[in-house]
PDB file of N, CA and C in Angstrom:
ATOM      1  N   MET A   1     -40.756 -22.387 -55.414  1.00  0.00           N
ATOM      2  CA  MET A   1     -42.044 -22.880 -55.880  1.00  0.00           C
ATOM      3  C   MET A   1     -42.767 -21.821 -56.705  1.00  0.00           C
ATOM      4  N   VAL A   2     -42.709 -20.564 -56.254  1.00  0.00           N
ATOM      5  CA  VAL A   2     -43.385 -19.485 -56.969  1.00  0.00           C
ATOM      6  C   VAL A   2     -42.801 -19.323 -58.371  1.00  0.00           C
ATOM      7  N   ASP A   3     -41.478 -19.393 -58.485  1.00  0.00           N
ATOM      8  CA  ASP A   3     -40.839 -19.276 -59.801  1.00  0.00           C
ATOM      9  C   ASP A   3     -41.282 -20.405 -60.732  1.00  0.00           C
ATOM     10  N   TYR A   4     -41.367 -21.607 -60.191  1.00  0.00           N
ATOM     11  CA  TYR A   4     -41.808 -22.749 -60.987  1.00  0.00           C
ATOM     12  C   TYR A   4     -43.231 -22.542 -61.492  1.00  0.00           C
ATOM     13  N   LEU A   5     -44.120 -22.146 -60.600  1.00  0.00           N
ATOM     14  CA  LEU A   5     -45.511 -21.918 -60.990  1.00  0.00           C
ATOM     15  C   LEU A   5     -45.622 -20.802 -62.026  1.00  0.00           C
ATOM     16  N   LYS A   6     -44.830 -19.765 -61.872  1.00  0.00           N
ATOM     17  CA  LYS A   6     -44.840 -18.672 -62.846  1.00  0.00           C
ATOM     18  C   LYS A   6     -44.378 -19.170 -64.207  1.00  0.00           C
ATOM     19  N   ARG A   7     -43.346 -19.997 -64.236  1.00  0.00           N
ATOM     20  CA  ARG A   7     -42.862 -20.538 -65.519  1.00  0.00           C
ATOM     21  C   ARG A   7     -43.932 -21.411 -66.183  1.00  0.00           C
ATOM     22  N   VAL A   8     -44.582 -22.256 -65.393  1.00  0.00           N
ATOM     23  CA  VAL A   8     -45.641 -23.116 -65.937  1.00  0.00           C
ATOM     24  C   VAL A   8     -46.781 -22.255 -66.460  1.00  0.00           C
ATOM     25  N   PHE A   9     -47.186 -21.276 -65.686  1.00  0.00           N
ATOM     26  CA  PHE A   9     -48.264 -20.371 -66.092  1.00  0.00           C
ATOM     27  C   PHE A   9     -47.896 -19.667 -67.400  1.00  0.00           C
ATOM     28  N   ASP A  10     -46.674 -19.147 -67.476  1.00  0.00           N
ATOM     29  CA  ASP A  10     -46.238 -18.434 -68.681  1.00  0.00           C
ATOM     30  C   ASP A  10     -46.201 -19.348 -69.898  1.00  0.00           C
ATOM     31  N   ARG A  11     -45.769 -20.598 -69.720  1.00  0.00           N
ATOM     32  CA  ARG A  11     -45.761 -21.550 -70.845  1.00  0.00           C
ATOM     33  C   ARG A  11     -47.179 -21.846 -71.325  1.00  0.00           C
ATOM     34  N   LEU A  12     -48.079 -22.079 -70.388  1.00  0.00           N
ATOM     35  CA  LEU A  12     -49.469 -22.350 -70.768  1.00  0.00           C
ATOM     36  C   LEU A  12     -50.109 -21.130 -71.424  1.00  0.00           C
ATOM     37  N   ASP A  13     -49.794 -19.965 -70.903  1.00  0.00           N
ATOM     38  CA  ASP A  13     -50.322 -18.721 -71.466  1.00  0.00           C
ATOM     39  C   ASP A  13     -49.829 -18.525 -72.897  1.00  0.00           C
ATOM     40  N   ALA A  14     -48.587 -18.882 -73.152  1.00  0.00           N
ATOM     41  CA  ALA A  14     -48.024 -18.741 -74.499  1.00  0.00           C
ATOM     42  C   ALA A  14     -48.605 -19.781 -75.455  1.00  0.00           C
ATOM     43  N   LYS A  15     -48.919 -20.959 -74.945  1.00  0.00           N
ATOM     44  CA  LYS A  15     -49.387 -22.056 -75.798  1.00  0.00           C
ATOM     45  C   LYS A  15     -50.877 -21.967 -76.130  1.00  0.00           C
ATOM     46  N   TYR A  16     -51.682 -21.523 -75.163  1.00  0.00           N
ATOM     47  CA  TYR A  16     -53.133 -21.480 -75.328  1.00  0.00           C
ATOM     48  C   TYR A  16     -53.614 -20.035 -75.288  1.00  0.00           C
ATOM     49  N   GLU A  17     -54.230 -19.619 -76.366  1.00  0.00           N
ATOM     50  CA  GLU A  17     -54.630 -18.218 -76.534  1.00  0.00           C
ATOM     51  C   GLU A  17     -55.536 -17.705 -75.424  1.00  0.00           C
ATOM     52  N   THR A  18     -56.433 -18.541 -74.951  1.00  0.00           N
ATOM     53  CA  THR A  18     -57.412 -18.087 -73.951  1.00  0.00           C
ATOM     54  C   THR A  18     -57.058 -18.527 -72.537  1.00  0.00           C
ATOM     55  N   PHE A  19     -55.834 -19.027 -72.335  1.00  0.00           N
ATOM     56  CA  PHE A  19     -55.479 -19.581 -71.028  1.00  0.00           C
ATOM     57  C   PHE A  19     -55.668 -18.570 -69.895  1.00  0.00           C
ATOM     58  N   ARG A  20     -55.141 -17.378 -70.053  1.00  0.00           N
ATOM     59  CA  ARG A  20     -55.209 -16.389 -68.970  1.00  0.00           C
ATOM     60  C   ARG A  20     -56.665 -16.047 -68.627  1.00  0.00           C
ATOM     61  N   ASP A  21     -57.493 -15.821 -69.639  1.00  0.00           N
ATOM     62  CA  ASP A  21     -58.899 -15.506 -69.380  1.00  0.00           C
ATOM     63  C   ASP A  21     -59.616 -16.687 -68.728  1.00  0.00           C
ATOM     64  N   ASP A  22     -59.354 -17.895 -69.233  1.00  0.00           N
ATOM     65  CA  ASP A  22     -59.982 -19.086 -68.660  1.00  0.00           C
ATOM     66  C   ASP A  22     -59.539 -19.299 -67.211  1.00  0.00           C
ATOM     67  N   PHE A  23     -58.254 -19.096 -66.968  1.00  0.00           N
ATOM     68  CA  PHE A  23     -57.720 -19.259 -65.611  1.00  0.00           C
ATOM     69  C   PHE A  23     -58.354 -18.248 -64.660  1.00  0.00           C
ATOM     70  N   GLU A  24     -58.422 -17.009 -65.076  1.00  0.00           N
ATOM     71  CA  GLU A  24     -58.987 -15.968 -64.218  1.00  0.00           C
ATOM     72  C   GLU A  24     -60.473 -16.206 -63.945  1.00  0.00           C
ATOM     73  N   ALA A  25     -61.207 -16.682 -64.951  1.00  0.00           N
ATOM     74  CA  ALA A  25     -62.627 -16.980 -64.751  1.00  0.00           C
ATOM     75  C   ALA A  25     -62.800 -18.115 -63.744  1.00  0.00           C
ATOM     76  N   GLU A  26     -61.996 -19.167 -63.873  1.00  0.00           N
ATOM     77  CA  GLU A  26     -62.089 -20.293 -62.944  1.00  0.00           C
ATOM     78  C   GLU A  26     -61.647 -19.882 -61.541  1.00  0.00           C
ATOM     79  N   TYR A  27     -60.589 -19.085 -61.453  1.00  0.00           N
ATOM     80  CA  TYR A  27     -60.108 -18.595 -60.158  1.00  0.00           C
ATOM     81  C   TYR A  27     -61.211 -17.788 -59.463  1.00  0.00           C
ATOM     82  N   PHE A  28     -61.889 -16.938 -60.224  1.00  0.00           N
ATOM     83  CA  PHE A  28     -62.980 -16.124 -59.691  1.00  0.00           C
ATOM     84  C   PHE A  28     -64.090 -17.012 -59.119  1.00  0.00           C
ATOM     85  N   LEU A  29     -64.487 -18.054 -59.884  1.00  0.00           N
ATOM     86  CA  LEU A  29     -65.547 -18.946 -59.420  1.00  0.00           C
ATOM     87  C   LEU A  29     -65.140 -19.675 -58.137  1.00  0.00           C
ATOM     88  N   GLN A  30     -63.908 -20.170 -58.089  1.00  0.00           N
ATOM     89  CA  GLN A  30     -63.457 -20.915 -56.918  1.00  0.00           C
ATOM     90  C   GLN A  30     -63.301 -20.009 -55.694  1.00  0.00           C
ATOM     91  N   LYS A  31     -62.786 -18.814 -55.924  1.00  0.00           N
ATOM     92  CA  LYS A  31     -62.635 -17.857 -54.820  1.00  0.00           C
ATOM     93  C   LYS A  31     -63.998 -17.503 -54.228  1.00  0.00           C
ATOM     94  N   ASN A  32     -64.985 -17.298 -55.084  1.00  0.00           N
ATOM     95  CA  ASN A  32     -66.325 -16.962 -54.606  1.00  0.00           C
ATOM     96  C   ASN A  32     -67.028 -18.159 -53.993  1.00  0.00           C
ATOM     97  N   ALA A  33     -66.724 -19.355 -54.486  1.00  0.00           N
ATOM     98  CA  ALA A  33     -67.281 -20.565 -53.879  1.00  0.00           C
ATOM     99  C   ALA A  33     -66.798 -20.688 -52.437  1.00  0.00           C
ATOM    100  N   LEU A  34     -65.507 -20.439 -52.222  1.00  0.00           N
ATOM    101  CA  LEU A  34     -64.959 -20.498 -50.860  1.00  0.00           C
ATOM    102  C   LEU A  34     -65.575 -19.423 -49.965  1.00  0.00           C
ATOM    103  N   ALA A  35     -65.810 -18.247 -50.518  1.00  0.00           N
ATOM    104  CA  ALA A  35     -66.439 -17.174 -49.736  1.00  0.00           C
ATOM    105  C   ALA A  35     -67.864 -17.570 -49.340  1.00  0.00           C
ATOM    106  N   MET A  36     -68.578 -18.236 -50.251  1.00  0.00           N
ATOM    107  CA  MET A  36     -69.951 -18.667 -49.942  1.00  0.00           C
ATOM    108  C   MET A  36     -69.944 -19.744 -48.866  1.00  0.00           C
ATOM    109  N   ILE A  37     -68.989 -20.672 -48.949  1.00  0.00           N
ATOM    110  CA  ILE A  37     -68.879 -21.711 -47.923  1.00  0.00           C
ATOM    111  C   ILE A  37     -68.588 -21.071 -46.568  1.00  0.00           C
ATOM    112  N   LYS A  38     -67.671 -20.115 -46.540  1.00  0.00           N
ATOM    113  CA  LYS A  38     -67.336 -19.421 -45.286  1.00  0.00           C
ATOM    114  C   LYS A  38     -68.563 -18.694 -44.739  1.00  0.00           C
ATOM    115  N   LEU A  39     -69.299 -18.016 -45.613  1.00  0.00           N
ATOM    116  CA  LEU A  39     -70.504 -17.308 -45.193  1.00  0.00           C
ATOM    117  C   LEU A  39     -71.493 -18.272 -44.546  1.00  0.00           C
ATOM    118  N   ARG A  40     -71.693 -19.411 -45.193  1.00  0.00           N
ATOM    119  CA  ARG A  40     -72.634 -20.401 -44.647  1.00  0.00           C
ATOM    120  C   ARG A  40     -72.135 -20.956 -43.312  1.00  0.00           C
ATOM    121  N   HIS A  41     -70.859 -21.293 -43.240  1.00  0.00           N
ATOM    122  CA  HIS A  41     -70.315 -21.816 -41.981  1.00  0.00           C
ATOM    123  C   HIS A  41     -70.404 -20.783 -40.865  1.00  0.00           C
ATOM    124  N   ASP A  42     -70.096 -19.527 -41.190  1.00  0.00           N
ATOM    125  CA  ASP A  42     -70.172 -18.461 -40.188  1.00  0.00           C
ATOM    126  C   ASP A  42     -71.597 -18.259 -39.687  1.00  0.00           C
ATOM    127  N   SER A  43     -72.577 -18.572 -40.549  1.00  0.00           N
ATOM    128  CA  SER A  43     -73.976 -18.426 -40.144  1.00  0.00           C
ATOM    129  C   SER A  43     -74.430 -19.594 -39.276  1.00  0.00           C
ATOM    130  N   GLY A  44     -73.640 -20.678 -39.263  1.00  0.00           N
ATOM    131  CA  GLY A  44     -73.976 -21.839 -38.441  1.00  0.00           C
ATOM    132  C   GLY A  44     -75.067 -22.713 -39.020  1.00  0.00           C
ATOM    133  N   LEU A  45     -75.332 -22.564 -40.317  1.00  0.00           N
ATOM    134  CA  LEU A  45     -76.405 -23.331 -40.944  1.00  0.00           C
ATOM    135  C   LEU A  45     -75.848 -24.384 -41.892  1.00  0.00           C
ATOM    136  N   ASN A  46     -76.611 -25.462 -42.051  1.00  0.00           N
ATOM    137  CA  ASN A  46     -76.237 -26.442 -43.061  1.00  0.00           C
ATOM    138  C   ASN A  46     -76.720 -25.937 -44.427  1.00  0.00           C
ATOM    139  N   GLN A  47     -76.366 -26.656 -45.482  1.00  0.00           N
ATOM    140  CA  GLN A  47     -76.734 -26.205 -46.828  1.00  0.00           C
ATOM    141  C   GLN A  47     -78.236 -26.065 -47.008  1.00  0.00           C
ATOM    142  N   THR A  48     -78.983 -27.003 -46.497  1.00  0.00           N
ATOM    143  CA  THR A  48     -80.438 -26.977 -46.682  1.00  0.00           C
ATOM    144  C   THR A  48     -81.062 -25.741 -46.044  1.00  0.00           C
ATOM    145  N   LYS A  49     -80.696 -25.452 -44.794  1.00  0.00           N
ATOM    146  CA  LYS A  49     -81.276 -24.295 -44.093  1.00  0.00           C
ATOM    147  C   LYS A  49     -80.790 -22.979 -44.692  1.00  0.00           C
ATOM    148  N   PHE A  50     -79.498 -22.922 -45.039  1.00  0.00           N
ATOM    149  CA  PHE A  50     -78.958 -21.702 -45.630  1.00  0.00           C
ATOM    150  C   PHE A  50     -79.631 -21.425 -46.980  1.00  0.00           C
ATOM    151  N   ALA A  51     -79.784 -22.471 -47.791  1.00  0.00           N
ATOM    152  CA  ALA A  51     -80.431 -22.325 -49.099  1.00  0.00           C
ATOM    153  C   ALA A  51     -81.877 -21.882 -48.941  1.00  0.00           C
ATOM    154  N   ARG A  52     -82.586 -22.475 -47.990  1.00  0.00           N
ATOM    155  CA  ARG A  52     -83.981 -22.105 -47.755  1.00  0.00           C
ATOM    156  C   ARG A  52     -84.076 -20.631 -47.376  1.00  0.00           C
ATOM    157  N   ASN A  53     -83.170 -20.161 -46.505  1.00  0.00           N
ATOM    158  CA  ASN A  53     -83.155 -18.746 -46.127  1.00  0.00           C
ATOM    159  C   ASN A  53     -82.920 -17.848 -47.337  1.00  0.00           C
ATOM    160  N   ALA A  54     -82.123 -18.323 -48.289  1.00  0.00           N
ATOM    161  CA  ALA A  54     -81.780 -17.525 -49.468  1.00  0.00           C
ATOM    162  C   ALA A  54     -82.803 -17.665 -50.583  1.00  0.00           C
ATOM    163  N   GLY A  55     -83.807 -18.503 -50.391  1.00  0.00           N
ATOM    164  CA  GLY A  55     -84.822 -18.693 -51.423  1.00  0.00           C
ATOM    165  C   GLY A  55     -84.309 -19.474 -52.622  1.00  0.00           C
ATOM    166  N   MET A  56     -83.416 -20.418 -52.362  1.00  0.00           N
ATOM    167  CA  MET A  56     -82.874 -21.239 -53.443  1.00  0.00           C
ATOM    168  C   MET A  56     -82.879 -22.696 -53.006  1.00  0.00           C
ATOM    169  N   THR A  57     -82.644 -23.590 -53.935  1.00  0.00           N
ATOM    170  CA  THR A  57     -82.601 -25.007 -53.585  1.00  0.00           C
ATOM    171  C   THR A  57     -81.233 -25.366 -53.031  1.00  0.00           C
ATOM    172  N   GLN A  58     -81.206 -26.443 -52.268  1.00  0.00           N
ATOM    173  CA  GLN A  58     -79.940 -26.936 -51.724  1.00  0.00           C
ATOM    174  C   GLN A  58     -79.021 -27.356 -52.866  1.00  0.00           C
ATOM    175  N   GLY A  59     -79.584 -27.887 -53.943  1.00  0.00           N
ATOM    176  CA  GLY A  59     -78.791 -28.298 -55.101  1.00  0.00           C
ATOM    177  C   GLY A  59     -78.073 -27.123 -55.754  1.00  0.00           C
ATOM    178  N   ASN A  60     -78.779 -26.006 -55.903  1.00  0.00           N
ATOM    179  CA  ASN A  60     -78.142 -24.823 -56.484  1.00  0.00           C
ATOM    180  C   ASN A  60     -77.074 -24.253 -55.564  1.00  0.00           C
ATOM    181  N   LEU A  61     -77.305 -24.293 -54.261  1.00  0.00           N
ATOM    182  CA  LEU A  61     -76.286 -23.838 -53.321  1.00  0.00           C
ATOM    183  C   LEU A  61     -75.058 -24.741 -53.411  1.00  0.00           C
ATOM    184  N   SER A  62     -75.285 -26.022 -53.518  1.00  0.00           N
ATOM    185  CA  SER A  62     -74.175 -26.963 -53.651  1.00  0.00           C
ATOM    186  C   SER A  62     -73.359 -26.661 -54.910  1.00  0.00           C
ATOM    187  N   ARG A  63     -74.036 -26.411 -56.019  1.00  0.00           N
ATOM    188  CA  ARG A  63     -73.343 -26.053 -57.269  1.00  0.00           C
ATOM    189  C   ARG A  63     -72.528 -24.784 -57.083  1.00  0.00           C
ATOM    190  N   LEU A  64     -73.096 -23.804 -56.398  1.00  0.00           N
ATOM    191  CA  LEU A  64     -72.399 -22.550 -56.151  1.00  0.00           C
ATOM    192  C   LEU A  64     -71.152 -22.791 -55.297  1.00  0.00           C
ATOM    193  N   GLU A  65     -71.291 -23.618 -54.247  1.00  0.00           N
ATOM    194  CA  GLU A  65     -70.168 -23.896 -53.360  1.00  0.00           C
ATOM    195  C   GLU A  65     -69.087 -24.752 -54.020  1.00  0.00           C
ATOM    196  N   LYS A  66     -69.422 -25.440 -55.089  1.00  0.00           N
ATOM    197  CA  LYS A  66     -68.432 -26.230 -55.837  1.00  0.00           C
ATOM    198  C   LYS A  66     -67.768 -25.403 -56.934  1.00  0.00           C
ATOM    199  N   GLY A  67     -68.246 -24.184 -57.131  1.00  0.00           N
ATOM    200  CA  GLY A  67     -67.698 -23.347 -58.193  1.00  0.00           C
ATOM    201  C   GLY A  67     -68.256 -23.693 -59.556  1.00  0.00           C
ATOM    202  N   ASN A  68     -69.417 -24.354 -59.578  1.00  0.00           N
ATOM    203  CA  ASN A  68     -70.048 -24.755 -60.840  1.00  0.00           C
ATOM    204  C   ASN A  68     -71.210 -23.855 -61.226  1.00  0.00           C
ATOM    205  N   TYR A  69     -71.331 -22.722 -60.562  1.00  0.00           N
ATOM    206  CA  TYR A  69     -72.455 -21.818 -60.806  1.00  0.00           C
ATOM    207  C   TYR A  69     -71.972 -20.395 -60.595  1.00  0.00           C
ATOM    208  N   ASN A  70     -72.259 -19.547 -61.541  1.00  0.00           N
ATOM    209  CA  ASN A  70     -71.840 -18.155 -61.480  1.00  0.00           C
ATOM    210  C   ASN A  70     -73.084 -17.285 -61.282  1.00  0.00           C
ATOM    211  N   PRO A  71     -73.409 -16.950 -60.030  1.00  0.00           N
ATOM    212  CA  PRO A  71     -74.641 -16.200 -59.771  1.00  0.00           C
ATOM    213  C   PRO A  71     -74.527 -14.746 -60.209  1.00  0.00           C
ATOM    214  N   THR A  72     -75.668 -14.143 -60.455  1.00  0.00           N
ATOM    215  CA  THR A  72     -75.705 -12.716 -60.773  1.00  0.00           C
ATOM    216  C   THR A  72     -75.480 -11.918 -59.491  1.00  0.00           C
ATOM    217  N   LEU A  73     -75.158 -10.652 -59.655  1.00  0.00           N
ATOM    218  CA  LEU A  73     -74.988  -9.791 -58.479  1.00  0.00           C
ATOM    219  C   LEU A  73     -76.281  -9.684 -57.678  1.00  0.00           C
ATOM    220  N   SER A  74     -77.396  -9.604 -58.379  1.00  0.00           N
ATOM    221  CA  SER A  74     -78.668  -9.494 -57.656  1.00  0.00           C
ATOM    222  C   SER A  74     -78.954 -10.777 -56.870  1.00  0.00           C
ATOM    223  N   HIS A  75     -78.541 -11.915 -57.404  1.00  0.00           N
ATOM    224  CA  HIS A  75     -78.736 -13.171 -56.682  1.00  0.00           C
ATOM    225  C   HIS A  75     -77.835 -13.214 -55.448  1.00  0.00           C
ATOM    226  N   LEU A  76     -76.592 -12.763 -55.591  1.00  0.00           N
ATOM    227  CA  LEU A  76     -75.696 -12.700 -54.432  1.00  0.00           C
ATOM    228  C   LEU A  76     -76.236 -11.751 -53.366  1.00  0.00           C
ATOM    229  N   GLN A  77     -76.796 -10.622 -53.809  1.00  0.00           N
ATOM    230  CA  GLN A  77     -77.393  -9.666 -52.874  1.00  0.00           C
ATOM    231  C   GLN A  77     -78.534 -10.309 -52.112  1.00  0.00           C
ATOM    232  N   LYS A  78     -79.358 -11.066 -52.811  1.00  0.00           N
ATOM    233  CA  LYS A  78     -80.493 -11.738 -52.182  1.00  0.00           C
ATOM    234  C   LYS A  78     -80.001 -12.776 -51.172  1.00  0.00           C
ATOM    235  N   ILE A  79     -78.993 -13.558 -51.537  1.00  0.00           N
ATOM    236  CA  ILE A  79     -78.438 -14.569 -50.631  1.00  0.00           C
ATOM    237  C   ILE A  79     -77.921 -13.893 -49.363  1.00  0.00           C
ATOM    238  N   ALA A  80     -77.160 -12.827 -49.544  1.00  0.00           N
ATOM    239  CA  ALA A  80     -76.595 -12.110 -48.397  1.00  0.00           C
ATOM    240  C   ALA A  80     -77.698 -11.535 -47.518  1.00  0.00           C
ATOM    241  N   SER A  81     -78.610 -10.814 -48.126  1.00  0.00           N
ATOM    242  CA  SER A  81     -79.671 -10.143 -47.376  1.00  0.00           C
ATOM    243  C   SER A  81     -80.551 -11.127 -46.610  1.00  0.00           C
ATOM    244  N   LYS A  82     -80.967 -12.191 -47.267  1.00  0.00           N
ATOM    245  CA  LYS A  82     -81.860 -13.165 -46.631  1.00  0.00           C
ATOM    246  C   LYS A  82     -81.185 -13.911 -45.478  1.00  0.00           C
ATOM    247  N   ASN A  83     -79.843 -13.899 -45.461  1.00  0.00           N
ATOM    248  CA  ASN A  83     -79.120 -14.585 -44.393  1.00  0.00           C
ATOM    249  C   ASN A  83     -78.481 -13.616 -43.405  1.00  0.00           C
ATOM    250  N   GLY A  84     -78.915 -12.335 -43.463  1.00  0.00           N
ATOM    251  CA  GLY A  84     -78.480 -11.360 -42.469  1.00  0.00           C
ATOM    252  C   GLY A  84     -77.133 -10.714 -42.735  1.00  0.00           C
ATOM    253  N   TYR A  85     -76.728 -10.642 -43.995  1.00  0.00           N
ATOM    254  CA  TYR A  85     -75.442 -10.044 -44.355  1.00  0.00           C
ATOM    255  C   TYR A  85     -75.643  -8.927 -45.375  1.00  0.00           C
ATOM    256  N   ASP A  86     -74.668  -8.040 -45.451  1.00  0.00           N
ATOM    257  CA  ASP A  86     -74.594  -7.045 -46.517  1.00  0.00           C
ATOM    258  C   ASP A  86     -73.619  -7.557 -47.560  1.00  0.00           C
ATOM    259  N   LEU A  87     -73.885  -7.275 -48.805  1.00  0.00           N
ATOM    260  CA  LEU A  87     -72.968  -7.623 -49.894  1.00  0.00           C
ATOM    261  C   LEU A  87     -72.111  -6.403 -50.189  1.00  0.00           C
ATOM    262  N   GLU A  88     -70.824  -6.583 -50.187  1.00  0.00           N
ATOM    263  CA  GLU A  88     -69.892  -5.502 -50.489  1.00  0.00           C
ATOM    264  C   GLU A  88     -69.038  -5.917 -51.679  1.00  0.00           C
ATOM    265  N   ILE A  89     -68.977  -5.070 -52.668  1.00  0.00           N
ATOM    266  CA  ILE A  89     -68.167  -5.332 -53.851  1.00  0.00           C
ATOM    267  C   ILE A  89     -67.108  -4.248 -53.939  1.00  0.00           C
ATOM    268  N   ARG A  90     -65.889  -4.670 -54.199  1.00  0.00           N
ATOM    269  CA  ARG A  90     -64.824  -3.684 -54.338  1.00  0.00           C
ATOM    270  C   ARG A  90     -63.908  -4.100 -55.475  1.00  0.00           C
ATOM    271  N   PHE A  91     -63.276  -3.131 -56.070  1.00  0.00           N
ATOM    272  CA  PHE A  91     -62.316  -3.367 -57.124  1.00  0.00           C
ATOM    273  C   PHE A  91     -60.925  -3.190 -56.537  1.00  0.00           C
ATOM    274  N   LYS A  92     -60.042  -4.106 -56.864  1.00  0.00           N
ATOM    275  CA  LYS A  92     -58.707  -4.111 -56.311  1.00  0.00           C
ATOM    276  C   LYS A  92     -57.713  -4.226 -57.468  1.00  0.00           C
ATOM    277  N   LYS A  93     -56.747  -3.365 -57.484  1.00  0.00           N
ATOM    278  CA  LYS A  93     -55.736  -3.370 -58.544  1.00  0.00           C
ATOM    279  C   LYS A  93     -54.989  -4.704 -58.538  1.00  0.00           C
ATOM    280  N   LYS A  94     -54.818  -5.296 -59.727  1.00  0.00           N
ATOM    281  CA  LYS A  94     -54.099  -6.564 -59.851  1.00  0.00           C
ATOM    282  C   LYS A  94     -52.606  -6.351 -59.643  1.00  0.00           C
ATOM    283  N   LYS A  95     -51.987  -7.348 -59.055  1.00  0.00           N
ATOM    284  CA  LYS A  95     -50.534  -7.342 -58.936  1.00  0.00           C
ATOM    285  C   LYS A  95     -49.985  -8.091 -60.144  1.00  0.00           C
ATOM    286  N   ARG A  96     -49.115  -7.474 -60.851  1.00  0.00           N
ATOM    287  CA  ARG A  96     -48.525  -8.144 -62.034  1.00  0.00           C
ATOM    288  C   ARG A  96     -47.068  -7.967 -62.051  1.00  0.00           C
TER     289      ARG A  96
END
């Protein structure tokens, strides 16, 4: 399966000039959306209460959890802090 996915990825990358950048941007949004959902679930709050704690609307939180919103670092810091968490950012070498 991994070989198949790599071949498909390589074909798309060769065909579309911005495929790799577009893919990585979307992957980043979805990965962070899942992290936000996990954070909210771990806090035991529903979207409305979690959003209220973070000083944002439930609609914006929903957009963030769907991967349709790319928050700034300061906004992520505020969300974390207002809900009793620290924000940690780290750089990790890509596997290629």
